[in-house]
Amino acid sequence: MGKRHQLLAATLALLLAAPAMARELPEKEIKEKLKKGGQHWSVTDKAFSGFRQYDQPGDLLYFWPAEDKPVTPGISEKGGGSYPLKVKWQLRDGQTFPPSKSKYLTYLWGEPGEKAYGFQVVKIDKSATSGSFTISLSFSKGDIEKIRKNHDIVLLFLAGKEVGGNFLKCKARLP
């Protein structure tokens, strides 16, 4: 195969792979997506109380669920449950992660305007400007009882001690 054919084959391979590669969305498109929300999620102004009052969204990142479906935790024999939620994220225009040795973001979830259920950390590539990760939401037996009543949950992420982005409200339902 000549150099011309090799170049043509390489170009064609890149063009075919392009749709599979992660593509950053223009900020205007993300804002419209977040404003519109989905059937099972929305962005909210209110988070929850508990560990600390989180009353203002942050301005570092945008977050949204990778799929528009309700949080439906699997129930354990002891009555608690968990749910893996895939989240997409993107840095806001002009933002970079603050200097930190940590490769993690903290995420918290709880009842809208009420108490936090819990918090955990998720590893993130802070050299990237967008991506996705899966978080594991855990629910106590008492939390599951609230979900039986078609409860909503709010999710937020912290970058250091500050709220890292929008508050995400998801519908929580039992299967």
N, C-alpha and C. Protein backbone atom coordinates (compact mmCIF):
# COMPACT_ATOMS: atom_id res chain seq x y z
N MET A 1 0.86 -1.17 0.00
CA MET A 1 0.00 0.00 0.00
C MET A 1 0.90 1.23 0.00
N GLY A 2 0.63 2.17 -0.88
CA GLY A 2 1.41 3.38 -0.98
C GLY A 2 1.07 4.36 0.13
N LYS A 3 1.90 5.40 0.25
CA LYS A 3 1.70 6.41 1.30
C LYS A 3 0.34 7.10 1.14
N ARG A 4 -0.07 7.30 -0.06
CA ARG A 4 -1.35 7.96 -0.32
C ARG A 4 -2.52 7.11 0.21
N HIS A 5 -2.44 5.80 -0.05
CA HIS A 5 -3.48 4.89 0.44
C HIS A 5 -3.46 4.80 1.97
N GLN A 6 -2.25 4.80 2.55
CA GLN A 6 -2.14 4.76 4.01
C GLN A 6 -2.76 6.01 4.64
N LEU A 7 -2.48 7.17 4.04
CA LEU A 7 -3.04 8.42 4.54
C LEU A 7 -4.56 8.41 4.41
N LEU A 8 -5.07 7.94 3.29
CA LEU A 8 -6.51 7.85 3.07
C LEU A 8 -7.15 6.88 4.07
N ALA A 9 -6.52 5.73 4.32
CA ALA A 9 -7.03 4.75 5.28
C ALA A 9 -7.03 5.31 6.70
N ALA A 10 -5.97 6.04 7.07
CA ALA A 10 -5.89 6.63 8.41
C ALA A 10 -6.96 7.71 8.59
N THR A 11 -7.17 8.52 7.56
CA THR A 11 -8.20 9.57 7.61
C THR A 11 -9.58 8.96 7.74
N LEU A 12 -9.84 7.93 6.95
CA LEU A 12 -11.13 7.25 7.01
C LEU A 12 -11.36 6.62 8.39
N ALA A 13 -10.33 6.04 8.98
CA ALA A 13 -10.45 5.44 10.31
C ALA A 13 -10.79 6.49 11.36
N LEU A 14 -10.17 7.67 11.27
CA LEU A 14 -10.47 8.75 12.21
C LEU A 14 -11.90 9.25 12.03
N LEU A 15 -12.34 9.39 10.80
CA LEU A 15 -13.71 9.85 10.55
C LEU A 15 -14.74 8.86 11.08
N LEU A 16 -14.48 7.58 10.91
CA LEU A 16 -15.40 6.57 11.40
C LEU A 16 -15.40 6.49 12.92
N ALA A 17 -14.26 6.76 13.54
CA ALA A 17 -14.16 6.70 15.01
C ALA A 17 -14.69 7.95 15.67
N ALA A 18 -14.78 9.07 14.96
CA ALA A 18 -15.18 10.35 15.54
C ALA A 18 -16.49 10.30 16.33
N PRO A 19 -17.57 9.68 15.82
CA PRO A 19 -18.80 9.65 16.61
C PRO A 19 -18.65 8.91 17.94
N ALA A 20 -17.74 7.97 18.03
CA ALA A 20 -17.56 7.21 19.25
C ALA A 20 -16.72 7.98 20.28
N MET A 21 -15.93 8.96 19.82
CA MET A 21 -15.09 9.73 20.73
C MET A 21 -15.96 10.70 21.52
N ALA A 22 -15.54 10.97 22.76
CA ALA A 22 -16.28 11.92 23.59
C ALA A 22 -16.19 13.31 22.96
N ARG A 23 -17.32 13.96 22.90
CA ARG A 23 -17.37 15.29 22.30
C ARG A 23 -17.90 16.25 23.35
N GLU A 24 -17.19 17.34 23.54
CA GLU A 24 -17.67 18.33 24.48
C GLU A 24 -18.81 19.11 23.85
N LEU A 25 -19.77 19.43 24.68
CA LEU A 25 -20.92 20.20 24.22
C LEU A 25 -20.66 21.69 24.40
N PRO A 26 -21.15 22.52 23.50
CA PRO A 26 -21.05 23.95 23.73
C PRO A 26 -21.81 24.32 25.02
N GLU A 27 -21.29 25.28 25.76
CA GLU A 27 -21.90 25.64 27.04
C GLU A 27 -23.37 26.03 26.88
N LYS A 28 -23.71 26.70 25.81
CA LYS A 28 -25.10 27.08 25.56
C LYS A 28 -26.00 25.83 25.48
N GLU A 29 -25.50 24.79 24.81
CA GLU A 29 -26.26 23.54 24.66
C GLU A 29 -26.43 22.84 26.02
N ILE A 30 -25.38 22.87 26.85
CA ILE A 30 -25.48 22.26 28.19
C ILE A 30 -26.51 23.02 29.02
N LYS A 31 -26.46 24.35 29.00
CA LYS A 31 -27.41 25.14 29.78
C LYS A 31 -28.84 24.84 29.36
N GLU A 32 -29.06 24.71 28.05
CA GLU A 32 -30.41 24.37 27.56
C GLU A 32 -30.82 22.98 28.03
N LYS A 33 -29.89 22.03 27.98
CA LYS A 33 -30.16 20.66 28.43
C LYS A 33 -30.54 20.65 29.91
N LEU A 34 -29.77 21.37 30.73
CA LEU A 34 -30.03 21.41 32.16
C LEU A 34 -31.34 22.14 32.47
N LYS A 35 -31.63 23.19 31.73
CA LYS A 35 -32.88 23.93 31.94
C LYS A 35 -34.09 23.05 31.60
N LYS A 36 -33.97 22.30 30.52
CA LYS A 36 -35.06 21.42 30.08
C LYS A 36 -35.19 20.20 31.00
N GLY A 37 -34.05 19.65 31.44
CA GLY A 37 -34.08 18.45 32.27
C GLY A 37 -34.56 17.25 31.47
N GLY A 38 -35.05 16.26 32.17
CA GLY A 38 -35.55 15.05 31.55
C GLY A 38 -36.81 14.59 32.24
N GLN A 39 -37.32 13.46 31.83
CA GLN A 39 -38.52 12.91 32.44
C GLN A 39 -38.26 12.53 33.90
N HIS A 40 -37.02 12.10 34.20
CA HIS A 40 -36.71 11.59 35.54
C HIS A 40 -35.66 12.40 36.28
N TRP A 41 -35.29 13.58 35.77
CA TRP A 41 -34.31 14.42 36.45
C TRP A 41 -34.52 15.88 36.09
N SER A 42 -34.00 16.74 36.94
CA SER A 42 -34.04 18.18 36.69
C SER A 42 -32.93 18.83 37.51
N VAL A 43 -32.67 20.09 37.23
CA VAL A 43 -31.75 20.87 38.04
C VAL A 43 -32.61 21.67 39.00
N THR A 44 -32.17 21.76 40.24
CA THR A 44 -32.94 22.45 41.27
C THR A 44 -32.08 23.51 41.96
N ASP A 45 -32.74 24.49 42.56
CA ASP A 45 -32.04 25.53 43.32
C ASP A 45 -31.77 25.11 44.75
N LYS A 46 -32.48 24.08 45.21
CA LYS A 46 -32.39 23.65 46.60
C LYS A 46 -31.67 22.33 46.73
N ALA A 47 -30.77 22.26 47.67
CA ALA A 47 -30.11 20.98 47.94
C ALA A 47 -30.74 20.40 49.20
N PHE A 48 -29.98 20.26 50.26
CA PHE A 48 -30.47 19.66 51.49
C PHE A 48 -29.63 20.18 52.63
N SER A 49 -30.08 19.93 53.84
CA SER A 49 -29.31 20.30 55.03
C SER A 49 -28.71 19.03 55.60
N GLY A 50 -28.03 19.15 56.68
CA GLY A 50 -27.45 17.97 57.30
C GLY A 50 -26.03 18.23 57.69
N PHE A 51 -25.08 17.78 56.85
CA PHE A 51 -23.68 18.01 57.16
C PHE A 51 -23.39 19.51 57.21
N ARG A 52 -24.00 20.23 56.33
CA ARG A 52 -23.81 21.67 56.18
C ARG A 52 -24.91 22.15 55.25
N GLN A 53 -25.29 23.39 55.35
CA GLN A 53 -26.33 23.90 54.46
C GLN A 53 -25.70 24.24 53.11
N TYR A 54 -26.20 23.62 52.07
CA TYR A 54 -25.72 23.91 50.72
C TYR A 54 -26.82 24.68 50.02
N ASP A 55 -26.69 26.01 49.99
CA ASP A 55 -27.77 26.81 49.46
C ASP A 55 -27.46 27.44 48.11
N GLN A 56 -26.23 27.31 47.63
CA GLN A 56 -25.87 27.89 46.34
C GLN A 56 -25.14 26.86 45.48
N PRO A 57 -25.59 26.68 44.23
CA PRO A 57 -24.83 25.80 43.33
C PRO A 57 -23.44 26.40 43.06
N GLY A 58 -22.51 25.56 42.64
CA GLY A 58 -21.17 26.03 42.31
C GLY A 58 -21.04 26.42 40.85
N ASP A 59 -19.88 26.94 40.50
CA ASP A 59 -19.68 27.41 39.12
C ASP A 59 -18.50 26.74 38.42
N LEU A 60 -18.08 25.58 38.89
CA LEU A 60 -16.94 24.88 38.30
C LEU A 60 -17.36 23.91 37.19
N LEU A 61 -18.39 23.10 37.46
CA LEU A 61 -18.78 22.01 36.57
C LEU A 61 -20.27 22.00 36.29
N TYR A 62 -20.62 21.34 35.20
CA TYR A 62 -22.01 20.97 34.92
C TYR A 62 -22.12 19.46 35.10
N PHE A 63 -23.23 18.99 35.69
CA PHE A 63 -23.48 17.56 35.88
C PHE A 63 -24.86 17.21 35.36
N TRP A 64 -25.01 16.02 34.78
CA TRP A 64 -26.32 15.52 34.37
C TRP A 64 -26.24 14.01 34.24
N PRO A 65 -27.36 13.31 34.40
CA PRO A 65 -27.32 11.85 34.27
C PRO A 65 -27.05 11.42 32.83
N ALA A 66 -26.31 10.35 32.67
CA ALA A 66 -26.02 9.84 31.33
C ALA A 66 -27.27 9.27 30.67
N GLU A 67 -28.20 8.76 31.50
CA GLU A 67 -29.45 8.20 30.99
C GLU A 67 -30.62 8.81 31.74
N ASP A 68 -31.72 9.00 31.04
CA ASP A 68 -32.92 9.56 31.66
C ASP A 68 -33.81 8.43 32.16
N LYS A 69 -33.48 7.96 33.36
CA LYS A 69 -34.29 6.91 33.98
C LYS A 69 -34.28 7.14 35.49
N PRO A 70 -35.31 6.66 36.19
CA PRO A 70 -35.36 6.91 37.64
C PRO A 70 -34.31 6.11 38.39
N VAL A 71 -33.93 6.63 39.56
CA VAL A 71 -33.05 5.91 40.47
C VAL A 71 -33.89 4.80 41.08
N THR A 72 -33.57 3.56 40.76
CA THR A 72 -34.34 2.40 41.24
C THR A 72 -33.38 1.45 41.97
N PRO A 73 -33.17 1.69 43.26
CA PRO A 73 -32.20 0.86 43.98
C PRO A 73 -32.63 -0.59 44.11
N GLY A 74 -31.67 -1.47 43.99
CA GLY A 74 -31.90 -2.87 44.30
C GLY A 74 -31.98 -3.01 45.81
N ILE A 75 -32.84 -3.85 46.32
CA ILE A 75 -33.06 -3.98 47.75
C ILE A 75 -32.34 -5.22 48.28
N SER A 76 -31.60 -5.04 49.37
CA SER A 76 -30.89 -6.17 49.98
C SER A 76 -31.82 -6.91 50.95
N GLU A 77 -31.36 -8.05 51.45
CA GLU A 77 -32.14 -8.83 52.41
C GLU A 77 -32.42 -8.04 53.69
N LYS A 78 -31.53 -7.11 54.04
CA LYS A 78 -31.69 -6.32 55.26
C LYS A 78 -32.56 -5.09 55.05
N GLY A 79 -33.03 -4.87 53.83
CA GLY A 79 -33.95 -3.78 53.57
C GLY A 79 -33.34 -2.51 53.01
N GLY A 80 -32.02 -2.39 53.01
CA GLY A 80 -31.36 -1.23 52.41
C GLY A 80 -31.21 -1.46 50.91
N GLY A 81 -30.55 -0.55 50.25
CA GLY A 81 -30.37 -0.72 48.82
C GLY A 81 -29.27 0.15 48.26
N SER A 82 -28.95 -0.05 46.99
CA SER A 82 -27.96 0.77 46.32
C SER A 82 -28.32 0.88 44.84
N TYR A 83 -27.76 1.90 44.21
CA TYR A 83 -28.04 2.14 42.79
C TYR A 83 -26.82 2.77 42.14
N PRO A 84 -26.32 2.19 41.04
CA PRO A 84 -25.22 2.82 40.31
C PRO A 84 -25.79 3.86 39.33
N LEU A 85 -25.34 5.09 39.46
CA LEU A 85 -25.82 6.17 38.61
C LEU A 85 -24.66 6.71 37.78
N LYS A 86 -24.77 6.62 36.47
CA LYS A 86 -23.73 7.15 35.59
C LYS A 86 -24.02 8.63 35.36
N VAL A 87 -23.01 9.45 35.60
CA VAL A 87 -23.14 10.91 35.51
C VAL A 87 -22.14 11.43 34.49
N LYS A 88 -22.60 12.33 33.64
CA LYS A 88 -21.70 13.04 32.72
C LYS A 88 -21.36 14.38 33.35
N TRP A 89 -20.17 14.89 33.04
CA TRP A 89 -19.76 16.18 33.57
C TRP A 89 -18.94 16.93 32.53
N GLN A 90 -18.90 18.24 32.70
CA GLN A 90 -18.05 19.07 31.85
C GLN A 90 -17.70 20.34 32.62
N LEU A 91 -16.44 20.75 32.53
CA LEU A 91 -16.04 22.02 33.13
C LEU A 91 -16.78 23.17 32.44
N ARG A 92 -17.13 24.16 33.21
CA ARG A 92 -17.75 25.35 32.62
C ARG A 92 -16.68 26.13 31.88
N ASP A 93 -17.09 26.90 30.90
CA ASP A 93 -16.15 27.69 30.11
C ASP A 93 -15.24 28.53 31.01
N GLY A 94 -13.94 28.47 30.74
CA GLY A 94 -12.97 29.26 31.47
C GLY A 94 -12.57 28.69 32.83
N GLN A 95 -13.12 27.55 33.23
CA GLN A 95 -12.82 26.98 34.54
C GLN A 95 -11.76 25.88 34.45
N THR A 96 -11.02 25.73 35.50
CA THR A 96 -10.08 24.62 35.67
C THR A 96 -10.23 24.12 37.10
N PHE A 97 -9.84 22.87 37.33
CA PHE A 97 -9.91 22.34 38.69
C PHE A 97 -8.92 23.11 39.56
N PRO A 98 -9.31 23.43 40.79
CA PRO A 98 -8.36 24.09 41.69
C PRO A 98 -7.19 23.16 41.99
N PRO A 99 -6.01 23.72 42.24
CA PRO A 99 -4.85 22.87 42.54
C PRO A 99 -5.14 22.00 43.77
N SER A 100 -4.89 20.73 43.63
CA SER A 100 -5.14 19.78 44.71
C SER A 100 -4.43 18.48 44.39
N LYS A 101 -3.96 17.82 45.41
CA LYS A 101 -3.36 16.51 45.22
C LYS A 101 -4.42 15.43 45.07
N SER A 102 -5.63 15.74 45.47
CA SER A 102 -6.71 14.77 45.43
C SER A 102 -7.18 14.51 44.01
N LYS A 103 -7.43 13.25 43.70
CA LYS A 103 -7.97 12.86 42.39
C LYS A 103 -9.45 12.55 42.52
N TYR A 104 -10.08 13.04 43.60
CA TYR A 104 -11.46 12.67 43.88
C TYR A 104 -12.36 13.88 44.02
N LEU A 105 -13.62 13.68 43.70
CA LEU A 105 -14.69 14.61 44.03
C LEU A 105 -15.54 13.92 45.09
N THR A 106 -16.08 14.67 45.99
CA THR A 106 -17.01 14.14 46.98
C THR A 106 -18.41 14.35 46.45
N TYR A 107 -19.26 13.35 46.58
CA TYR A 107 -20.66 13.54 46.20
C TYR A 107 -21.54 13.25 47.40
N LEU A 108 -22.60 14.01 47.51
CA LEU A 108 -23.57 13.87 48.59
C LEU A 108 -24.94 13.73 47.97
N TRP A 109 -25.84 13.04 48.65
CA TRP A 109 -27.21 12.93 48.17
C TRP A 109 -28.15 12.93 49.37
N GLY A 110 -29.36 13.38 49.14
CA GLY A 110 -30.33 13.44 50.22
C GLY A 110 -31.68 13.89 49.73
N GLU A 111 -32.54 14.25 50.69
CA GLU A 111 -33.91 14.69 50.38
C GLU A 111 -33.90 16.18 50.02
N PRO A 112 -34.65 16.57 48.99
CA PRO A 112 -34.72 17.99 48.65
C PRO A 112 -35.21 18.82 49.84
N GLY A 113 -34.41 19.81 50.24
CA GLY A 113 -34.79 20.68 51.33
C GLY A 113 -34.76 20.04 52.70
N GLU A 114 -34.32 18.79 52.81
CA GLU A 114 -34.34 18.07 54.08
C GLU A 114 -32.94 17.64 54.49
N LYS A 115 -32.75 16.35 54.76
CA LYS A 115 -31.47 15.87 55.27
C LYS A 115 -30.67 15.13 54.20
N ALA A 116 -29.37 15.07 54.44
CA ALA A 116 -28.50 14.30 53.56
C ALA A 116 -28.54 12.84 53.96
N TYR A 117 -28.52 11.94 52.97
CA TYR A 117 -28.46 10.50 53.25
C TYR A 117 -27.02 10.06 53.49
N GLY A 118 -26.10 10.58 52.70
CA GLY A 118 -24.73 10.13 52.84
C GLY A 118 -23.80 10.81 51.86
N PHE A 119 -22.54 10.45 51.93
CA PHE A 119 -21.54 10.99 51.01
C PHE A 119 -20.49 9.94 50.72
N GLN A 120 -19.87 10.05 49.58
CA GLN A 120 -18.78 9.18 49.17
C GLN A 120 -17.88 9.97 48.24
N VAL A 121 -16.84 9.34 47.74
CA VAL A 121 -15.94 10.00 46.80
C VAL A 121 -15.90 9.21 45.50
N VAL A 122 -15.58 9.91 44.42
CA VAL A 122 -15.43 9.28 43.12
C VAL A 122 -14.15 9.83 42.49
N LYS A 123 -13.40 8.94 41.86
CA LYS A 123 -12.15 9.35 41.21
C LYS A 123 -12.48 10.04 39.89
N ILE A 124 -11.75 11.10 39.61
CA ILE A 124 -11.98 11.87 38.39
C ILE A 124 -10.63 12.29 37.81
N ASP A 125 -10.54 12.32 36.50
CA ASP A 125 -9.32 12.77 35.83
C ASP A 125 -9.37 14.29 35.76
N LYS A 126 -8.65 14.95 36.64
CA LYS A 126 -8.70 16.41 36.72
C LYS A 126 -7.90 17.09 35.62
N SER A 127 -7.24 16.30 34.77
CA SER A 127 -6.57 16.90 33.61
C SER A 127 -7.55 17.00 32.44
N ALA A 128 -8.69 16.32 32.55
CA ALA A 128 -9.71 16.34 31.50
C ALA A 128 -10.64 17.55 31.70
N THR A 129 -11.36 17.89 30.68
CA THR A 129 -12.34 18.98 30.77
C THR A 129 -13.77 18.46 30.71
N SER A 130 -13.93 17.16 30.45
CA SER A 130 -15.26 16.55 30.46
C SER A 130 -15.09 15.04 30.60
N GLY A 131 -16.18 14.37 30.90
CA GLY A 131 -16.12 12.93 31.03
C GLY A 131 -17.37 12.38 31.67
N SER A 132 -17.25 11.18 32.18
CA SER A 132 -18.36 10.55 32.89
C SER A 132 -17.78 9.62 33.94
N PHE A 133 -18.58 9.30 34.93
CA PHE A 133 -18.21 8.34 35.95
C PHE A 133 -19.48 7.76 36.53
N THR A 134 -19.33 6.64 37.21
CA THR A 134 -20.48 5.99 37.84
C THR A 134 -20.31 6.11 39.35
N ILE A 135 -21.37 6.56 39.99
CA ILE A 135 -21.37 6.67 41.45
C ILE A 135 -22.32 5.63 42.01
N SER A 136 -22.10 5.25 43.25
CA SER A 136 -22.96 4.25 43.89
C SER A 136 -23.74 4.92 45.02
N LEU A 137 -25.02 5.10 44.81
CA LEU A 137 -25.88 5.68 45.83
C LEU A 137 -26.36 4.57 46.75
N SER A 138 -26.12 4.71 48.06
CA SER A 138 -26.54 3.71 49.03
C SER A 138 -27.68 4.28 49.87
N PHE A 139 -28.65 3.43 50.18
CA PHE A 139 -29.83 3.85 50.92
C PHE A 139 -30.06 2.92 52.10
N SER A 140 -30.37 3.50 53.26
CA SER A 140 -30.72 2.70 54.44
C SER A 140 -32.14 2.16 54.27
N LYS A 141 -32.54 1.29 55.16
CA LYS A 141 -33.90 0.75 55.14
C LYS A 141 -34.92 1.89 55.26
N GLY A 142 -34.64 2.89 56.11
CA GLY A 142 -35.53 4.04 56.26
C GLY A 142 -35.62 4.87 54.99
N ASP A 143 -34.48 5.03 54.31
CA ASP A 143 -34.49 5.77 53.03
C ASP A 143 -35.34 5.04 52.01
N ILE A 144 -35.23 3.71 51.99
CA ILE A 144 -36.01 2.90 51.04
C ILE A 144 -37.50 3.08 51.30
N GLU A 145 -37.89 3.18 52.56
CA GLU A 145 -39.31 3.39 52.89
C GLU A 145 -39.82 4.69 52.28
N LYS A 146 -38.98 5.74 52.28
CA LYS A 146 -39.38 7.01 51.66
C LYS A 146 -39.51 6.87 50.15
N ILE A 147 -38.60 6.10 49.56
CA ILE A 147 -38.64 5.89 48.11
C ILE A 147 -39.92 5.15 47.72
N ARG A 148 -40.41 4.30 48.60
CA ARG A 148 -41.67 3.60 48.34
C ARG A 148 -42.80 4.60 48.09
N LYS A 149 -42.62 5.80 48.60
CA LYS A 149 -43.64 6.84 48.42
C LYS A 149 -43.28 7.75 47.24
N ASN A 150 -42.49 7.25 46.29
CA ASN A 150 -42.07 8.02 45.11
C ASN A 150 -41.36 9.31 45.50
N HIS A 151 -40.26 9.15 46.18
CA HIS A 151 -39.47 10.25 46.71
C HIS A 151 -38.44 10.72 45.68
N ASP A 152 -38.07 12.00 45.75
CA ASP A 152 -36.98 12.53 44.93
C ASP A 152 -35.73 12.64 45.79
N ILE A 153 -34.57 12.58 45.12
CA ILE A 153 -33.30 12.81 45.81
C ILE A 153 -32.56 13.93 45.08
N VAL A 154 -31.71 14.62 45.83
CA VAL A 154 -30.86 15.66 45.26
C VAL A 154 -29.42 15.20 45.40
N LEU A 155 -28.65 15.48 44.38
CA LEU A 155 -27.26 15.07 44.32
C LEU A 155 -26.41 16.31 44.09
N LEU A 156 -25.30 16.43 44.82
CA LEU A 156 -24.37 17.53 44.55
C LEU A 156 -22.95 17.00 44.68
N PHE A 157 -22.02 17.72 44.08
CA PHE A 157 -20.62 17.35 44.11
C PHE A 157 -19.83 18.49 44.73
N LEU A 158 -18.81 18.13 45.49
CA LEU A 158 -17.93 19.12 46.10
C LEU A 158 -16.57 19.03 45.45
N ALA A 159 -15.99 20.19 45.17
CA ALA A 159 -14.61 20.29 44.72
C ALA A 159 -13.88 20.94 45.88
N GLY A 160 -13.18 20.16 46.67
CA GLY A 160 -12.64 20.65 47.93
C GLY A 160 -13.80 20.79 48.90
N LYS A 161 -13.95 21.98 49.50
CA LYS A 161 -15.04 22.21 50.45
C LYS A 161 -16.19 22.97 49.81
N GLU A 162 -16.04 23.35 48.56
CA GLU A 162 -17.06 24.15 47.88
C GLU A 162 -17.92 23.29 46.97
N VAL A 163 -19.17 23.69 46.79
CA VAL A 163 -20.04 23.02 45.84
C VAL A 163 -19.44 23.19 44.46
N GLY A 164 -19.32 22.09 43.72
CA GLY A 164 -18.63 22.12 42.44
C GLY A 164 -19.50 22.45 41.24
N GLY A 165 -20.81 22.37 41.37
CA GLY A 165 -21.66 22.62 40.19
C GLY A 165 -23.12 22.68 40.56
N ASN A 166 -23.96 22.39 39.58
CA ASN A 166 -25.40 22.45 39.76
C ASN A 166 -25.89 21.37 40.72
N PHE A 167 -27.08 21.59 41.29
CA PHE A 167 -27.76 20.58 42.10
C PHE A 167 -28.61 19.75 41.15
N LEU A 168 -28.50 18.46 41.24
CA LEU A 168 -29.21 17.55 40.35
C LEU A 168 -30.28 16.81 41.14
N LYS A 169 -31.54 16.94 40.72
CA LYS A 169 -32.65 16.24 41.39
C LYS A 169 -33.08 15.08 40.50
N CYS A 170 -33.13 13.88 41.09
CA CYS A 170 -33.51 12.67 40.37
C CYS A 170 -34.72 12.03 41.05
N LYS A 171 -35.59 11.47 40.25
CA LYS A 171 -36.74 10.73 40.80
C LYS A 171 -36.23 9.36 41.25
N ALA A 172 -36.59 9.02 42.47
CA ALA A 172 -36.21 7.71 43.02
C ALA A 172 -37.48 6.87 43.14
N ARG A 173 -37.44 5.72 42.55
CA ARG A 173 -38.61 4.82 42.53
C ARG A 173 -38.13 3.40 42.77
N LEU A 174 -39.00 2.57 43.27
CA LEU A 174 -38.66 1.17 43.43
C LEU A 174 -39.09 0.41 42.18
N PRO A 175 -38.34 -0.64 41.82
CA PRO A 175 -38.70 -1.39 40.61
C PRO A 175 -40.04 -2.09 40.74
